[in-house]
Amino acid sequence: HLFDEVCGLRQAAPLDELQHLCQNFADSCR
């Protein structure tokens, strides 16, 4: 949810690292 809110800001900075960490966290908690 937090990641989606940050994505919604549509800023110039890339989101690749955030997306990677978000997915890694979900995978580590599976």
PDB file of all heavy atoms in Angstrom:
ATOM      1  N   HIS A   1       0.845  -1.205   0.000  1.00  0.00           N
ATOM      2  CA  HIS A   1       0.000   0.000   0.000  1.00  0.00           C
ATOM      3  C   HIS A   1       0.878   1.252   0.000  1.00  0.00           C
ATOM      4  O   HIS A   1       0.635   2.196  -0.766  1.00  0.00           O
ATOM      5  CB  HIS A   1      -0.911  -0.013   1.224  1.00  0.00           C
ATOM      6  CG  HIS A   1      -1.897   1.108   1.254  1.00  0.00           C
ATOM      7  ND1 HIS A   1      -3.198   0.935   1.660  1.00  0.00           N
ATOM      8  CD2 HIS A   1      -1.797   2.425   0.949  1.00  0.00           C
ATOM      9  CE1 HIS A   1      -3.849   2.082   1.578  1.00  0.00           C
ATOM     10  NE2 HIS A   1      -3.011   3.004   1.162  1.00  0.00           N
ATOM     11  N   LEU A   2       1.904   1.264   0.859  1.00  0.00           N
ATOM     12  CA  LEU A   2       2.820   2.406   0.902  1.00  0.00           C
ATOM     13  C   LEU A   2       3.529   2.574  -0.434  1.00  0.00           C
ATOM     14  O   LEU A   2       3.656   3.699  -0.948  1.00  0.00           O
ATOM     15  CB  LEU A   2       3.836   2.207   2.026  1.00  0.00           C
ATOM     16  CG  LEU A   2       4.943   3.274   2.138  1.00  0.00           C
ATOM     17  CD1 LEU A   2       4.350   4.649   2.384  1.00  0.00           C
ATOM     18  CD2 LEU A   2       5.912   2.894   3.266  1.00  0.00           C
ATOM     19  N   PHE A   3       3.974   1.468  -1.010  1.00  0.00           N
ATOM     20  CA  PHE A   3       4.649   1.541  -2.311  1.00  0.00           C
ATOM     21  C   PHE A   3       3.718   2.121  -3.380  1.00  0.00           C
ATOM     22  O   PHE A   3       4.123   2.961  -4.188  1.00  0.00           O
ATOM     23  CB  PHE A   3       5.130   0.155  -2.729  1.00  0.00           C
ATOM     24  CG  PHE A   3       5.720   0.105  -4.104  1.00  0.00           C
ATOM     25  CD1 PHE A   3       6.938   0.715  -4.377  1.00  0.00           C
ATOM     26  CD2 PHE A   3       5.051  -0.542  -5.141  1.00  0.00           C
ATOM     27  CE1 PHE A   3       7.484   0.677  -5.651  1.00  0.00           C
ATOM     28  CE2 PHE A   3       5.595  -0.581  -6.419  1.00  0.00           C
ATOM     29  CZ  PHE A   3       6.811   0.031  -6.673  1.00  0.00           C
ATOM     30  N   ASP A   4       2.465   1.684  -3.389  1.00  0.00           N
ATOM     31  CA  ASP A   4       1.503   2.193  -4.360  1.00  0.00           C
ATOM     32  C   ASP A   4       1.285   3.695  -4.192  1.00  0.00           C
ATOM     33  O   ASP A   4       1.160   4.438  -5.180  1.00  0.00           O
ATOM     34  CB  ASP A   4       0.163   1.465  -4.214  1.00  0.00           C
ATOM     35  CG  ASP A   4       0.236   0.014  -4.680  1.00  0.00           C
ATOM     36  OD1 ASP A   4       1.210  -0.344  -5.368  1.00  0.00           O
ATOM     37  OD2 ASP A   4      -0.687  -0.754  -4.349  1.00  0.00           O
ATOM     38  N   GLU A   5       1.249   4.157  -2.941  1.00  0.00           N
ATOM     39  CA  GLU A   5       1.071   5.588  -2.690  1.00  0.00           C
ATOM     40  C   GLU A   5       2.279   6.377  -3.212  1.00  0.00           C
ATOM     41  O   GLU A   5       2.131   7.460  -3.793  1.00  0.00           O
ATOM     42  CB  GLU A   5       0.879   5.849  -1.196  1.00  0.00           C
ATOM     43  CG  GLU A   5      -0.419   5.302  -0.613  1.00  0.00           C
ATOM     44  CD  GLU A   5      -1.623   6.156  -0.968  1.00  0.00           C
ATOM     45  OE1 GLU A   5      -1.503   7.073  -1.802  1.00  0.00           O
ATOM     46  OE2 GLU A   5      -2.703   5.908  -0.409  1.00  0.00           O
ATOM     47  N   VAL A   6       3.458   5.837  -2.981  1.00  0.00           N
ATOM     48  CA  VAL A   6       4.670   6.512  -3.470  1.00  0.00           C
ATOM     49  C   VAL A   6       4.685   6.538  -4.999  1.00  0.00           C
ATOM     50  O   VAL A   6       5.040   7.552  -5.615  1.00  0.00           O
ATOM     51  CB  VAL A   6       5.934   5.814  -2.920  1.00  0.00           C
ATOM     52  CG1 VAL A   6       7.188   6.380  -3.577  1.00  0.00           C
ATOM     53  CG2 VAL A   6       6.023   5.990  -1.408  1.00  0.00           C
ATOM     54  N   CYS A   7       4.279   5.450  -5.615  1.00  0.00           N
ATOM     55  CA  CYS A   7       4.219   5.407  -7.079  1.00  0.00           C
ATOM     56  C   CYS A   7       3.267   6.477  -7.615  1.00  0.00           C
ATOM     57  O   CYS A   7       3.504   7.066  -8.675  1.00  0.00           O
ATOM     58  CB  CYS A   7       3.741   4.040  -7.553  1.00  0.00           C
ATOM     59  SG  CYS A   7       4.949   2.713  -7.347  1.00  0.00           S
ATOM     60  N   GLY A   8       2.202   6.721  -6.863  1.00  0.00           N
ATOM     61  CA  GLY A   8       1.211   7.696  -7.291  1.00  0.00           C
ATOM     62  C   GLY A   8       1.723   9.122  -7.304  1.00  0.00           C
ATOM     63  O   GLY A   8       1.078  10.008  -7.878  1.00  0.00           O
ATOM     64  N   LEU A   9       2.875   9.373  -6.688  1.00  0.00           N
ATOM     65  CA  LEU A   9       3.437  10.728  -6.696  1.00  0.00           C
ATOM     66  C   LEU A   9       3.982  11.103  -8.068  1.00  0.00           C
ATOM     67  O   LEU A   9       4.111  12.291  -8.381  1.00  0.00           O
ATOM     68  CB  LEU A   9       4.566  10.833  -5.654  1.00  0.00           C
ATOM     69  CG  LEU A   9       4.156  10.621  -4.198  1.00  0.00           C
ATOM     70  CD1 LEU A   9       5.381  10.703  -3.300  1.00  0.00           C
ATOM     71  CD2 LEU A   9       3.125  11.650  -3.776  1.00  0.00           C
ATOM     72  N   ARG A  10       4.343  10.080  -8.865  1.00  0.00           N
ATOM     73  CA  ARG A  10       4.822  10.288 -10.235  1.00  0.00           C
ATOM     74  C   ARG A  10       5.978  11.293 -10.295  1.00  0.00           C
ATOM     75  O   ARG A  10       5.972  12.234 -11.084  1.00  0.00           O
ATOM     76  CB  ARG A  10       3.676  10.744 -11.145  1.00  0.00           C
ATOM     77  CG  ARG A  10       2.526   9.760 -11.194  1.00  0.00           C
ATOM     78  CD  ARG A  10       1.483  10.149 -12.226  1.00  0.00           C
ATOM     79  NE  ARG A  10       0.377   9.215 -12.216  1.00  0.00           N
ATOM     80  CZ  ARG A  10       0.358   8.018 -12.797  1.00  0.00           C
ATOM     81  NH1 ARG A  10       1.439   7.597 -13.427  1.00  0.00           N
ATOM     82  NH2 ARG A  10      -0.696   7.253 -12.743  1.00  0.00           N
ATOM     83  N   GLN A  11       6.954  11.065  -9.430  1.00  0.00           N
ATOM     84  CA  GLN A  11       8.137  11.927  -9.440  1.00  0.00           C
ATOM     85  C   GLN A  11       9.167  11.384 -10.428  1.00  0.00           C
ATOM     86  O   GLN A  11       9.054  10.261 -10.921  1.00  0.00           O
ATOM     87  CB  GLN A  11       8.726  12.022  -8.034  1.00  0.00           C
ATOM     88  CG  GLN A  11       7.773  12.694  -7.056  1.00  0.00           C
ATOM     89  CD  GLN A  11       8.296  12.732  -5.639  1.00  0.00           C
ATOM     90  OE1 GLN A  11       7.641  13.242  -4.766  1.00  0.00           O
ATOM     91  NE2 GLN A  11       9.474  12.207  -5.405  1.00  0.00           N
ATOM     92  N   ALA A  12      10.167  12.193 -10.676  1.00  0.00           N
ATOM     93  CA  ALA A  12      11.151  11.820 -11.696  1.00  0.00           C
ATOM     94  C   ALA A  12      12.065  10.680 -11.242  1.00  0.00           C
ATOM     95  O   ALA A  12      12.579   9.936 -12.064  1.00  0.00           O
ATOM     96  CB  ALA A  12      11.989  13.047 -12.062  1.00  0.00           C
ATOM     97  N   ALA A  13      12.274  10.543  -9.950  1.00  0.00           N
ATOM     98  CA  ALA A  13      13.204   9.521  -9.443  1.00  0.00           C
ATOM     99  C   ALA A  13      12.686   8.124  -9.770  1.00  0.00           C
ATOM    100  O   ALA A  13      11.489   7.846  -9.644  1.00  0.00           O
ATOM    101  CB  ALA A  13      13.371   9.676  -7.933  1.00  0.00           C
ATOM    102  N   PRO A  14      13.562   7.208 -10.195  1.00  0.00           N
ATOM    103  CA  PRO A  14      13.128   5.852 -10.558  1.00  0.00           C
ATOM    104  C   PRO A  14      12.662   5.064  -9.336  1.00  0.00           C
ATOM    105  O   PRO A  14      13.093   5.306  -8.203  1.00  0.00           O
ATOM    106  CB  PRO A  14      14.390   5.233 -11.161  1.00  0.00           C
ATOM    107  CG  PRO A  14      15.519   6.018 -10.582  1.00  0.00           C
ATOM    108  CD  PRO A  14      15.000   7.412 -10.402  1.00  0.00           C
ATOM    109  N   LEU A  15      11.784   4.095  -9.588  1.00  0.00           N
ATOM    110  CA  LEU A  15      11.181   3.296  -8.517  1.00  0.00           C
ATOM    111  C   LEU A  15      11.658   1.848  -8.549  1.00  0.00           C
ATOM    112  O   LEU A  15      11.134   1.023  -7.803  1.00  0.00           O
ATOM    113  CB  LEU A  15       9.652   3.335  -8.632  1.00  0.00           C
ATOM    114  CG  LEU A  15       8.996   4.677  -8.330  1.00  0.00           C
ATOM    115  CD1 LEU A  15       7.592   4.710  -8.892  1.00  0.00           C
ATOM    116  CD2 LEU A  15       8.971   4.923  -6.826  1.00  0.00           C
ATOM    117  N   ASP A  16      12.646   1.539  -9.374  1.00  0.00           N
ATOM    118  CA  ASP A  16      13.074   0.149  -9.535  1.00  0.00           C
ATOM    119  C   ASP A  16      13.531  -0.475  -8.216  1.00  0.00           C
ATOM    120  O   ASP A  16      13.172  -1.609  -7.893  1.00  0.00           O
ATOM    121  CB  ASP A  16      14.209   0.065 -10.557  1.00  0.00           C
ATOM    122  CG  ASP A  16      13.759   0.452 -11.956  1.00  0.00           C
ATOM    123  OD1 ASP A  16      12.551   0.680 -12.142  1.00  0.00           O
ATOM    124  OD2 ASP A  16      14.615   0.524 -12.852  1.00  0.00           O
ATOM    125  N   GLU A  17      14.339   0.271  -7.451  1.00  0.00           N
ATOM    126  CA  GLU A  17      14.843  -0.277  -6.192  1.00  0.00           C
ATOM    127  C   GLU A  17      13.711  -0.522  -5.205  1.00  0.00           C
ATOM    128  O   GLU A  17      13.668  -1.561  -4.533  1.00  0.00           O
ATOM    129  CB  GLU A  17      15.873   0.672  -5.572  1.00  0.00           C
ATOM    130  CG  GLU A  17      16.459   0.128  -4.266  1.00  0.00           C
ATOM    131  CD  GLU A  17      17.404   1.103  -3.589  1.00  0.00           C
ATOM    132  OE1 GLU A  17      17.608   2.213  -4.114  1.00  0.00           O
ATOM    133  OE2 GLU A  17      17.927   0.744  -2.518  1.00  0.00           O
ATOM    134  N   LEU A  18      12.778   0.425  -5.117  1.00  0.00           N
ATOM    135  CA  LEU A  18      11.647   0.255  -4.211  1.00  0.00           C
ATOM    136  C   LEU A  18      10.807  -0.956  -4.601  1.00  0.00           C
ATOM    137  O   LEU A  18      10.387  -1.743  -3.739  1.00  0.00           O
ATOM    138  CB  LEU A  18      10.771   1.508  -4.208  1.00  0.00           C
ATOM    139  CG  LEU A  18      11.335   2.759  -3.545  1.00  0.00           C
ATOM    140  CD1 LEU A  18      10.333   3.897  -3.619  1.00  0.00           C
ATOM    141  CD2 LEU A  18      11.700   2.489  -2.088  1.00  0.00           C
ATOM    142  N   GLN A  19      10.551  -1.102  -5.881  1.00  0.00           N
ATOM    143  CA  GLN A  19       9.753  -2.232  -6.352  1.00  0.00           C
ATOM    144  C   GLN A  19      10.450  -3.555  -6.040  1.00  0.00           C
ATOM    145  O   GLN A  19       9.813  -4.525  -5.608  1.00  0.00           O
ATOM    146  CB  GLN A  19       9.501  -2.104  -7.853  1.00  0.00           C
ATOM    147  CG  GLN A  19       8.575  -3.175  -8.404  1.00  0.00           C
ATOM    148  CD  GLN A  19       8.226  -2.929  -9.858  1.00  0.00           C
ATOM    149  OE1 GLN A  19       8.950  -2.229 -10.561  1.00  0.00           O
ATOM    150  NE2 GLN A  19       7.122  -3.475 -10.313  1.00  0.00           N
ATOM    151  N   HIS A  20      11.769  -3.589  -6.251  1.00  0.00           N
ATOM    152  CA  HIS A  20      12.550  -4.803  -5.981  1.00  0.00           C
ATOM    153  C   HIS A  20      12.502  -5.163  -4.495  1.00  0.00           C
ATOM    154  O   HIS A  20      12.264  -6.319  -4.129  1.00  0.00           O
ATOM    155  CB  HIS A  20      13.997  -4.576  -6.431  1.00  0.00           C
ATOM    156  CG  HIS A  20      14.914  -5.714  -6.117  1.00  0.00           C
ATOM    157  ND1 HIS A  20      14.872  -6.923  -6.783  1.00  0.00           N
ATOM    158  CD2 HIS A  20      15.906  -5.833  -5.184  1.00  0.00           C
ATOM    159  CE1 HIS A  20      15.779  -7.741  -6.282  1.00  0.00           C
ATOM    160  NE2 HIS A  20      16.429  -7.100  -5.323  1.00  0.00           N
ATOM    161  N   LEU A  21      12.691  -4.161  -3.623  1.00  0.00           N
ATOM    162  CA  LEU A  21      12.676  -4.416  -2.181  1.00  0.00           C
ATOM    163  C   LEU A  21      11.281  -4.801  -1.699  1.00  0.00           C
ATOM    164  O   LEU A  21      11.134  -5.675  -0.820  1.00  0.00           O
ATOM    165  CB  LEU A  21      13.174  -3.184  -1.429  1.00  0.00           C
ATOM    166  CG  LEU A  21      14.663  -2.870  -1.569  1.00  0.00           C
ATOM    167  CD1 LEU A  21      14.986  -1.499  -0.974  1.00  0.00           C
ATOM    168  CD2 LEU A  21      15.506  -3.946  -0.882  1.00  0.00           C
ATOM    169  N   CYS A  22      10.271  -4.171  -2.250  1.00  0.00           N
ATOM    170  CA  CYS A  22       8.893  -4.501  -1.882  1.00  0.00           C
ATOM    171  C   CYS A  22       8.584  -5.953  -2.198  1.00  0.00           C
ATOM    172  O   CYS A  22       8.019  -6.679  -1.374  1.00  0.00           O
ATOM    173  CB  CYS A  22       7.931  -3.560  -2.617  1.00  0.00           C
ATOM    174  SG  CYS A  22       6.197  -3.770  -2.164  1.00  0.00           S
ATOM    175  N   GLN A  23       8.981  -6.404  -3.391  1.00  0.00           N
ATOM    176  CA  GLN A  23       8.747  -7.792  -3.779  1.00  0.00           C
ATOM    177  C   GLN A  23       9.587  -8.746  -2.939  1.00  0.00           C
ATOM    178  O   GLN A  23       9.114  -9.822  -2.538  1.00  0.00           O
ATOM    179  CB  GLN A  23       9.069  -7.977  -5.259  1.00  0.00           C
ATOM    180  CG  GLN A  23       8.709  -9.365  -5.796  1.00  0.00           C
ATOM    181  CD  GLN A  23       7.233  -9.678  -5.630  1.00  0.00           C
ATOM    182  OE1 GLN A  23       6.390  -8.915  -6.083  1.00  0.00           O
ATOM    183  NE2 GLN A  23       6.927 -10.797  -4.992  1.00  0.00           N
ATOM    184  N   ASN A  24      10.822  -8.373  -2.651  1.00  0.00           N
ATOM    185  CA  ASN A  24      11.679  -9.216  -1.816  1.00  0.00           C
ATOM    186  C   ASN A  24      11.091  -9.409  -0.427  1.00  0.00           C
ATOM    187  O   ASN A  24      11.173 -10.499   0.156  1.00  0.00           O
ATOM    188  CB  ASN A  24      13.076  -8.600  -1.703  1.00  0.00           C
ATOM    189  CG  ASN A  24      13.963  -8.932  -2.883  1.00  0.00           C
ATOM    190  OD1 ASN A  24      13.538  -9.624  -3.807  1.00  0.00           O
ATOM    191  ND2 ASN A  24      15.193  -8.446  -2.863  1.00  0.00           N
ATOM    192  N   PHE A  25      10.517  -8.330   0.116  1.00  0.00           N
ATOM    193  CA  PHE A  25       9.912  -8.445   1.450  1.00  0.00           C
ATOM    194  C   PHE A  25       8.726  -9.399   1.422  1.00  0.00           C
ATOM    195  O   PHE A  25       8.590 -10.263   2.296  1.00  0.00           O
ATOM    196  CB  PHE A  25       9.486  -7.074   1.960  1.00  0.00           C
ATOM    197  CG  PHE A  25       8.818  -7.116   3.307  1.00  0.00           C
ATOM    198  CD1 PHE A  25       9.516  -7.547   4.427  1.00  0.00           C
ATOM    199  CD2 PHE A  25       7.487  -6.756   3.442  1.00  0.00           C
ATOM    200  CE1 PHE A  25       8.903  -7.604   5.682  1.00  0.00           C
ATOM    201  CE2 PHE A  25       6.869  -6.808   4.696  1.00  0.00           C
ATOM    202  CZ  PHE A  25       7.571  -7.234   5.808  1.00  0.00           C
ATOM    203  N   ALA A  26       7.871  -9.259   0.426  1.00  0.00           N
ATOM    204  CA  ALA A  26       6.720 -10.159   0.313  1.00  0.00           C
ATOM    205  C   ALA A  26       7.182 -11.605   0.171  1.00  0.00           C
ATOM    206  O   ALA A  26       6.620 -12.516   0.795  1.00  0.00           O
ATOM    207  CB  ALA A  26       5.852  -9.753  -0.879  1.00  0.00           C
ATOM    208  N   ASP A  27       8.224 -11.833  -0.634  1.00  0.00           N
ATOM    209  CA  ASP A  27       8.739 -13.190  -0.834  1.00  0.00           C
ATOM    210  C   ASP A  27       9.348 -13.751   0.446  1.00  0.00           C
ATOM    211  O   ASP A  27       9.151 -14.928   0.781  1.00  0.00           O
ATOM    212  CB  ASP A  27       9.792 -13.190  -1.941  1.00  0.00           C
ATOM    213  CG  ASP A  27       9.200 -12.910  -3.317  1.00  0.00           C
ATOM    214  OD1 ASP A  27       7.973 -13.013  -3.474  1.00  0.00           O
ATOM    215  OD2 ASP A  27       9.987 -12.570  -4.229  1.00  0.00           O
ATOM    216  N   SER A  28      10.092 -12.922   1.184  1.00  0.00           N
ATOM    217  CA  SER A  28      10.749 -13.399   2.406  1.00  0.00           C
ATOM    218  C   SER A  28       9.730 -13.752   3.485  1.00  0.00           C
ATOM    219  O   SER A  28      10.015 -14.580   4.360  1.00  0.00           O
ATOM    220  CB  SER A  28      11.730 -12.341   2.925  1.00  0.00           C
ATOM    221  OG  SER A  28      11.045 -11.196   3.399  1.00  0.00           O
ATOM    222  N   CYS A  29       8.547 -13.140   3.433  1.00  0.00           N
ATOM    223  CA  CYS A  29       7.514 -13.395   4.448  1.00  0.00           C
ATOM    224  C   CYS A  29       6.536 -14.491   4.037  1.00  0.00           C
ATOM    225  O   CYS A  29       5.658 -14.841   4.839  1.00  0.00           O
ATOM    226  CB  CYS A  29       6.741 -12.113   4.745  1.00  0.00           C
ATOM    227  SG  CYS A  29       7.692 -10.850   5.600  1.00  0.00           S
ATOM    228  N   ARG A  30       6.683 -15.037   2.831  1.00  0.00           N
ATOM    229  CA  ARG A  30       5.697 -16.020   2.355  1.00  0.00           C
ATOM    230  C   ARG A  30       5.545 -17.210   3.296  1.00  0.00           C
ATOM    231  O   ARG A  30       4.414 -17.563   3.666  1.00  0.00           O
ATOM    232  CB  ARG A  30       6.054 -16.487   0.939  1.00  0.00           C
ATOM    233  CG  ARG A  30       5.013 -17.443   0.349  1.00  0.00           C
ATOM    234  CD  ARG A  30       5.278 -17.744  -1.116  1.00  0.00           C
ATOM    235  NE  ARG A  30       5.025 -16.562  -1.932  1.00  0.00           N
ATOM    236  CZ  ARG A  30       5.952 -15.918  -2.632  1.00  0.00           C
ATOM    237  NH1 ARG A  30       7.216 -16.337  -2.589  1.00  0.00           N
ATOM    238  NH2 ARG A  30       5.656 -14.876  -3.357  1.00  0.00           N
TER     239      ARG A  30
END
